[in-house]
């Protein structure tokens, strides 16, 4: 798999309904959330995703 294909796959995932729903849950203020689970298979180092998990909207 080429670097370009890998990059496209990562970008497509962050545009996916699953990721968008997680971001909606993390940033919503209508109700208090105590616990969220999200599972996915990937080869991306988990620590590198930390910067994506912030209260700022993600624009892709």
PDB file of N, CA and C in Angstrom:
ATOM      1  N   UNK A   1       0.851  -1.173   0.000  1.00  0.00           N
ATOM      2  CA  UNK A   1       0.000   0.000   0.000  1.00  0.00           C
ATOM      3  C   UNK A   1       0.896   1.236   0.000  1.00  0.00           C
ATOM      4  N   UNK A   2       0.588   2.183  -0.873  1.00  0.00           N
ATOM      5  CA  UNK A   2       1.421   3.380  -0.991  1.00  0.00           C
ATOM      6  C   UNK A   2       1.105   4.385   0.121  1.00  0.00           C
ATOM      7  N   UNK A   3       2.029   5.305   0.322  1.00  0.00           N
ATOM      8  CA  UNK A   3       1.830   6.361   1.323  1.00  0.00           C
ATOM      9  C   UNK A   3       0.580   7.173   0.994  1.00  0.00           C
ATOM     10  N   UNK A   4       0.357   7.429  -0.283  1.00  0.00           N
ATOM     11  CA  UNK A   4      -0.822   8.184  -0.714  1.00  0.00           C
ATOM     12  C   UNK A   4      -2.114   7.450  -0.352  1.00  0.00           C
ATOM     13  N   UNK A   5      -2.142   6.140  -0.555  1.00  0.00           N
ATOM     14  CA  UNK A   5      -3.326   5.347  -0.213  1.00  0.00           C
ATOM     15  C   UNK A   5      -3.570   5.341   1.295  1.00  0.00           C
ATOM     16  N   UNK A   6      -2.499   5.243   2.054  1.00  0.00           N
ATOM     17  CA  UNK A   6      -2.615   5.266   3.513  1.00  0.00           C
ATOM     18  C   UNK A   6      -3.167   6.616   3.968  1.00  0.00           C
ATOM     19  N   UNK A   7      -2.610   7.692   3.425  1.00  0.00           N
ATOM     20  CA  UNK A   7      -3.063   9.036   3.789  1.00  0.00           C
ATOM     21  C   UNK A   7      -4.534   9.226   3.450  1.00  0.00           C
ATOM     22  N   UNK A   8      -4.948   8.792   2.269  1.00  0.00           N
ATOM     23  CA  UNK A   8      -6.356   8.907   1.870  1.00  0.00           C
ATOM     24  C   UNK A   8      -7.254   8.119   2.821  1.00  0.00           C
ATOM     25  N   UNK A   9      -6.807   6.938   3.226  1.00  0.00           N
ATOM     26  CA  UNK A   9      -7.585   6.129   4.158  1.00  0.00           C
ATOM     27  C   UNK A   9      -7.762   6.811   5.503  1.00  0.00           C
ATOM     28  N   UNK A  10      -6.695   7.422   6.003  1.00  0.00           N
ATOM     29  CA  UNK A  10      -6.763   8.131   7.284  1.00  0.00           C
ATOM     30  C   UNK A  10      -7.699   9.336   7.170  1.00  0.00           C
ATOM     31  N   UNK A  11      -7.550  10.103   6.106  1.00  0.00           N
ATOM     32  CA  UNK A  11      -8.418  11.273   5.893  1.00  0.00           C
ATOM     33  C   UNK A  11      -9.873  10.837   5.793  1.00  0.00           C
ATOM     34  N   UNK A  12     -10.137   9.787   5.035  1.00  0.00           N
ATOM     35  CA  UNK A  12     -11.511   9.297   4.888  1.00  0.00           C
ATOM     36  C   UNK A  12     -12.093   8.857   6.224  1.00  0.00           C
ATOM     37  N   UNK A  13     -11.279   8.240   7.054  1.00  0.00           N
ATOM     38  CA  UNK A  13     -11.789   7.822   8.359  1.00  0.00           C
ATOM     39  C   UNK A  13     -12.208   9.031   9.195  1.00  0.00           C
ATOM     40  N   UNK A  14     -11.375  10.073   9.211  1.00  0.00           N
ATOM     41  CA  UNK A  14     -11.708  11.243  10.016  1.00  0.00           C
ATOM     42  C   UNK A  14     -12.890  12.022   9.448  1.00  0.00           C
ATOM     43  N   UNK A  15     -13.281  11.725   8.231  1.00  0.00           N
ATOM     44  CA  UNK A  15     -14.499  12.297   7.643  1.00  0.00           C
ATOM     45  C   UNK A  15     -15.704  11.389   7.866  1.00  0.00           C
ATOM     46  N   UNK A  16     -15.476  10.195   8.386  1.00  0.00           N
ATOM     47  CA  UNK A  16     -16.535   9.187   8.506  1.00  0.00           C
ATOM     48  C   UNK A  16     -17.576   9.547   9.559  1.00  0.00           C
ATOM     49  N   UNK A  17     -18.747   8.928   9.422  1.00  0.00           N
ATOM     50  CA  UNK A  17     -19.824   9.125  10.391  1.00  0.00           C
ATOM     51  C   UNK A  17     -19.387   8.713  11.798  1.00  0.00           C
ATOM     52  N   UNK A  18     -18.621   7.625  11.909  1.00  0.00           N
ATOM     53  CA  UNK A  18     -18.194   7.149  13.224  1.00  0.00           C
ATOM     54  C   UNK A  18     -17.352   8.211  13.933  1.00  0.00           C
ATOM     55  N   UNK A  19     -16.363   8.766  13.247  1.00  0.00           N
ATOM     56  CA  UNK A  19     -15.494   9.771  13.859  1.00  0.00           C
ATOM     57  C   UNK A  19     -16.276  11.052  14.156  1.00  0.00           C
ATOM     58  N   UNK A  20     -17.119  11.465  13.231  1.00  0.00           N
ATOM     59  CA  UNK A  20     -17.902  12.682  13.424  1.00  0.00           C
ATOM     60  C   UNK A  20     -18.841  12.549  14.629  1.00  0.00           C
ATOM     61  N   UNK A  21     -19.404  11.362  14.813  1.00  0.00           N
ATOM     62  CA  UNK A  21     -20.275  11.132  15.974  1.00  0.00           C
ATOM     63  C   UNK A  21     -19.480  11.203  17.277  1.00  0.00           C
ATOM     64  N   UNK A  22     -18.284  10.644  17.295  1.00  0.00           N
ATOM     65  CA  UNK A  22     -17.443  10.747  18.490  1.00  0.00           C
ATOM     66  C   UNK A  22     -17.139  12.212  18.798  1.00  0.00           C
ATOM     67  N   UNK A  23     -16.780  12.986  17.789  1.00  0.00           N
ATOM     68  CA  UNK A  23     -16.486  14.403  18.003  1.00  0.00           C
ATOM     69  C   UNK A  23     -17.727  15.147  18.493  1.00  0.00           C
ATOM     70  N   UNK A  24     -18.905  14.789  17.970  1.00  0.00           N
ATOM     71  CA  UNK A  24     -20.143  15.417  18.429  1.00  0.00           C
ATOM     72  C   UNK A  24     -20.357  15.118  19.913  1.00  0.00           C
ATOM     73  N   UNK A  25     -20.145  13.864  20.294  1.00  0.00           N
ATOM     74  CA  UNK A  25     -20.334  13.484  21.692  1.00  0.00           C
ATOM     75  C   UNK A  25     -19.339  14.190  22.607  1.00  0.00           C
ATOM     76  N   UNK A  26     -18.099  14.294  22.170  1.00  0.00           N
ATOM     77  CA  UNK A  26     -17.073  14.922  23.004  1.00  0.00           C
ATOM     78  C   UNK A  26     -17.268  16.423  23.157  1.00  0.00           C
ATOM     79  N   UNK A  27     -17.892  17.057  22.181  1.00  0.00           N
ATOM     80  CA  UNK A  27     -17.997  18.515  22.202  1.00  0.00           C
ATOM     81  C   UNK A  27     -19.390  19.033  22.551  1.00  0.00           C
ATOM     82  N   UNK A  28     -20.362  18.157  22.655  1.00  0.00           N
ATOM     83  CA  UNK A  28     -21.720  18.610  22.961  1.00  0.00           C
ATOM     84  C   UNK A  28     -21.779  19.106  24.402  1.00  0.00           C
ATOM     85  N   UNK A  29     -22.685  20.025  24.638  1.00  0.00           N
ATOM     86  CA  UNK A  29     -22.839  20.589  25.981  1.00  0.00           C
ATOM     87  C   UNK A  29     -24.263  20.436  26.506  1.00  0.00           C
ATOM     88  N   UNK A  30     -25.110  19.725  25.785  1.00  0.00           N
ATOM     89  CA  UNK A  30     -26.510  19.552  26.183  1.00  0.00           C
ATOM     90  C   UNK A  30     -26.674  18.675  27.417  1.00  0.00           C
ATOM     91  N   UNK A  31     -25.813  17.694  27.551  1.00  0.00           N
ATOM     92  CA  UNK A  31     -25.910  16.788  28.692  1.00  0.00           C
ATOM     93  C   UNK A  31     -24.512  16.370  29.125  1.00  0.00           C
ATOM     94  N   UNK A  32     -24.394  16.001  30.389  1.00  0.00           N
ATOM     95  CA  UNK A  32     -23.105  15.559  30.904  1.00  0.00           C
ATOM     96  C   UNK A  32     -22.852  14.126  30.464  1.00  0.00           C
ATOM     97  N   UNK A  33     -21.676  13.887  29.918  1.00  0.00           N
ATOM     98  CA  UNK A  33     -21.308  12.547  29.464  1.00  0.00           C
ATOM     99  C   UNK A  33     -20.272  12.005  30.435  1.00  0.00           C
ATOM    100  N   UNK A  34     -20.527  10.821  30.947  1.00  0.00           N
ATOM    101  CA  UNK A  34     -19.621  10.213  31.917  1.00  0.00           C
ATOM    102  C   UNK A  34     -18.696   9.179  31.302  1.00  0.00           C
ATOM    103  N   UNK A  35     -19.107   8.630  30.169  1.00  0.00           N
ATOM    104  CA  UNK A  35     -18.354   7.498  29.636  1.00  0.00           C
ATOM    105  C   UNK A  35     -18.655   7.351  28.144  1.00  0.00           C
ATOM    106  N   UNK A  36     -17.628   7.207  27.329  1.00  0.00           N
ATOM    107  CA  UNK A  36     -17.792   6.982  25.886  1.00  0.00           C
ATOM    108  C   UNK A  36     -16.835   5.871  25.481  1.00  0.00           C
ATOM    109  N   UNK A  37     -17.319   4.969  24.651  1.00  0.00           N
ATOM    110  CA  UNK A  37     -16.464   3.944  24.054  1.00  0.00           C
ATOM    111  C   UNK A  37     -16.434   4.142  22.552  1.00  0.00           C
ATOM    112  N   UNK A  38     -15.282   3.922  21.970  1.00  0.00           N
ATOM    113  CA  UNK A  38     -15.166   3.908  20.516  1.00  0.00           C
ATOM    114  C   UNK A  38     -14.083   2.901  20.172  1.00  0.00           C
ATOM    115  N   UNK A  39     -14.399   2.012  19.279  1.00  0.00           N
ATOM    116  CA  UNK A  39     -13.444   0.979  18.882  1.00  0.00           C
ATOM    117  C   UNK A  39     -13.188   1.059  17.383  1.00  0.00           C
ATOM    118  N   UNK A  40     -11.942   0.895  17.009  1.00  0.00           N
ATOM    119  CA  UNK A  40     -11.592   0.789  15.598  1.00  0.00           C
ATOM    120  C   UNK A  40     -10.246   0.110  15.495  1.00  0.00           C
ATOM    121  N   UNK A  41     -10.028  -0.533  14.365  1.00  0.00           N
ATOM    122  CA  UNK A  41      -8.732  -1.152  14.099  1.00  0.00           C
ATOM    123  C   UNK A  41      -7.906  -0.172  13.290  1.00  0.00           C
ATOM    124  N   UNK A  42      -6.656   0.010  13.675  1.00  0.00           N
ATOM    125  CA  UNK A  42      -5.799   0.907  12.910  1.00  0.00           C
ATOM    126  C   UNK A  42      -4.342   0.596  13.187  1.00  0.00           C
ATOM    127  N   UNK A  43      -3.512   1.236  12.431  1.00  0.00           N
ATOM    128  CA  UNK A  43      -2.074   1.103  12.632  1.00  0.00           C
ATOM    129  C   UNK A  43      -1.454   2.453  12.968  1.00  0.00           C
ATOM    130  N   UNK A  44      -2.283   3.367  13.406  1.00  0.00           N
ATOM    131  CA  UNK A  44      -1.818   4.693  13.791  1.00  0.00           C
ATOM    132  C   UNK A  44      -1.491   4.656  15.281  1.00  0.00           C
ATOM    133  N   UNK A  45      -0.343   5.180  15.647  1.00  0.00           N
ATOM    134  CA  UNK A  45       0.063   5.231  17.049  1.00  0.00           C
ATOM    135  C   UNK A  45      -0.959   6.042  17.842  1.00  0.00           C
ATOM    136  N   UNK A  46      -1.503   5.451  18.872  1.00  0.00           N
ATOM    137  CA  UNK A  46      -2.567   6.093  19.654  1.00  0.00           C
ATOM    138  C   UNK A  46      -2.140   7.448  20.216  1.00  0.00           C
ATOM    139  N   UNK A  47      -0.913   7.573  20.656  1.00  0.00           N
ATOM    140  CA  UNK A  47      -0.439   8.844  21.218  1.00  0.00           C
ATOM    141  C   UNK A  47      -0.494   9.971  20.192  1.00  0.00           C
ATOM    142  N   UNK A  48      -0.333   9.637  18.910  1.00  0.00           N
ATOM    143  CA  UNK A  48      -0.354  10.679  17.882  1.00  0.00           C
ATOM    144  C   UNK A  48      -1.758  11.223  17.651  1.00  0.00           C
ATOM    145  N   UNK A  49      -2.777  10.536  18.154  1.00  0.00           N
ATOM    146  CA  UNK A  49      -4.158  10.997  17.997  1.00  0.00           C
ATOM    147  C   UNK A  49      -4.572  11.985  19.078  1.00  0.00           C
ATOM    148  N   UNK A  50      -3.775  12.122  20.127  1.00  0.00           N
ATOM    149  CA  UNK A  50      -4.138  13.009  21.239  1.00  0.00           C
ATOM    150  C   UNK A  50      -4.456  14.427  20.777  1.00  0.00           C
ATOM    151  N   UNK A  51      -3.662  14.950  19.859  1.00  0.00           N
ATOM    152  CA  UNK A  51      -3.882  16.332  19.423  1.00  0.00           C
ATOM    153  C   UNK A  51      -5.198  16.500  18.676  1.00  0.00           C
ATOM    154  N   UNK A  52      -5.771  15.403  18.190  1.00  0.00           N
ATOM    155  CA  UNK A  52      -7.059  15.485  17.503  1.00  0.00           C
ATOM    156  C   UNK A  52      -8.224  15.517  18.474  1.00  0.00           C
ATOM    157  N   UNK A  53      -8.000  15.055  19.685  1.00  0.00           N
ATOM    158  CA  UNK A  53      -9.073  14.974  20.675  1.00  0.00           C
ATOM    159  C   UNK A  53      -9.053  16.202  21.570  1.00  0.00           C
ATOM    160  N   UNK A  54      -9.562  17.295  21.041  1.00  0.00           N
ATOM    161  CA  UNK A  54      -9.639  18.529  21.804  1.00  0.00           C
ATOM    162  C   UNK A  54     -10.989  19.173  21.544  1.00  0.00           C
ATOM    163  N   UNK A  55     -11.364  20.175  22.310  1.00  0.00           N
ATOM    164  CA  UNK A  55     -12.690  20.767  22.145  1.00  0.00           C
ATOM    165  C   UNK A  55     -12.839  21.639  20.910  1.00  0.00           C
ATOM    166  N   UNK A  56     -11.792  21.809  20.130  1.00  0.00           N
ATOM    167  CA  UNK A  56     -11.873  22.611  18.916  1.00  0.00           C
ATOM    168  C   UNK A  56     -12.531  21.803  17.801  1.00  0.00           C
ATOM    169  N   UNK A  57     -13.361  22.421  16.963  1.00  0.00           N
ATOM    170  CA  UNK A  57     -13.928  21.692  15.821  1.00  0.00           C
ATOM    171  C   UNK A  57     -12.813  21.275  14.871  1.00  0.00           C
ATOM    172  N   UNK A  58     -12.943  20.111  14.307  1.00  0.00           N
ATOM    173  CA  UNK A  58     -11.965  19.616  13.343  1.00  0.00           C
ATOM    174  C   UNK A  58     -12.497  19.894  11.951  1.00  0.00           C
ATOM    175  N   UNK A  59     -11.758  20.634  11.177  1.00  0.00           N
ATOM    176  CA  UNK A  59     -12.150  20.958   9.811  1.00  0.00           C
ATOM    177  C   UNK A  59     -11.313  20.134   8.854  1.00  0.00           C
ATOM    178  N   UNK A  60     -11.958  19.262   8.106  1.00  0.00           N
ATOM    179  CA  UNK A  60     -11.243  18.429   7.137  1.00  0.00           C
ATOM    180  C   UNK A  60     -11.578  18.856   5.742  1.00  0.00           C
TER     181      UNK A  60
END
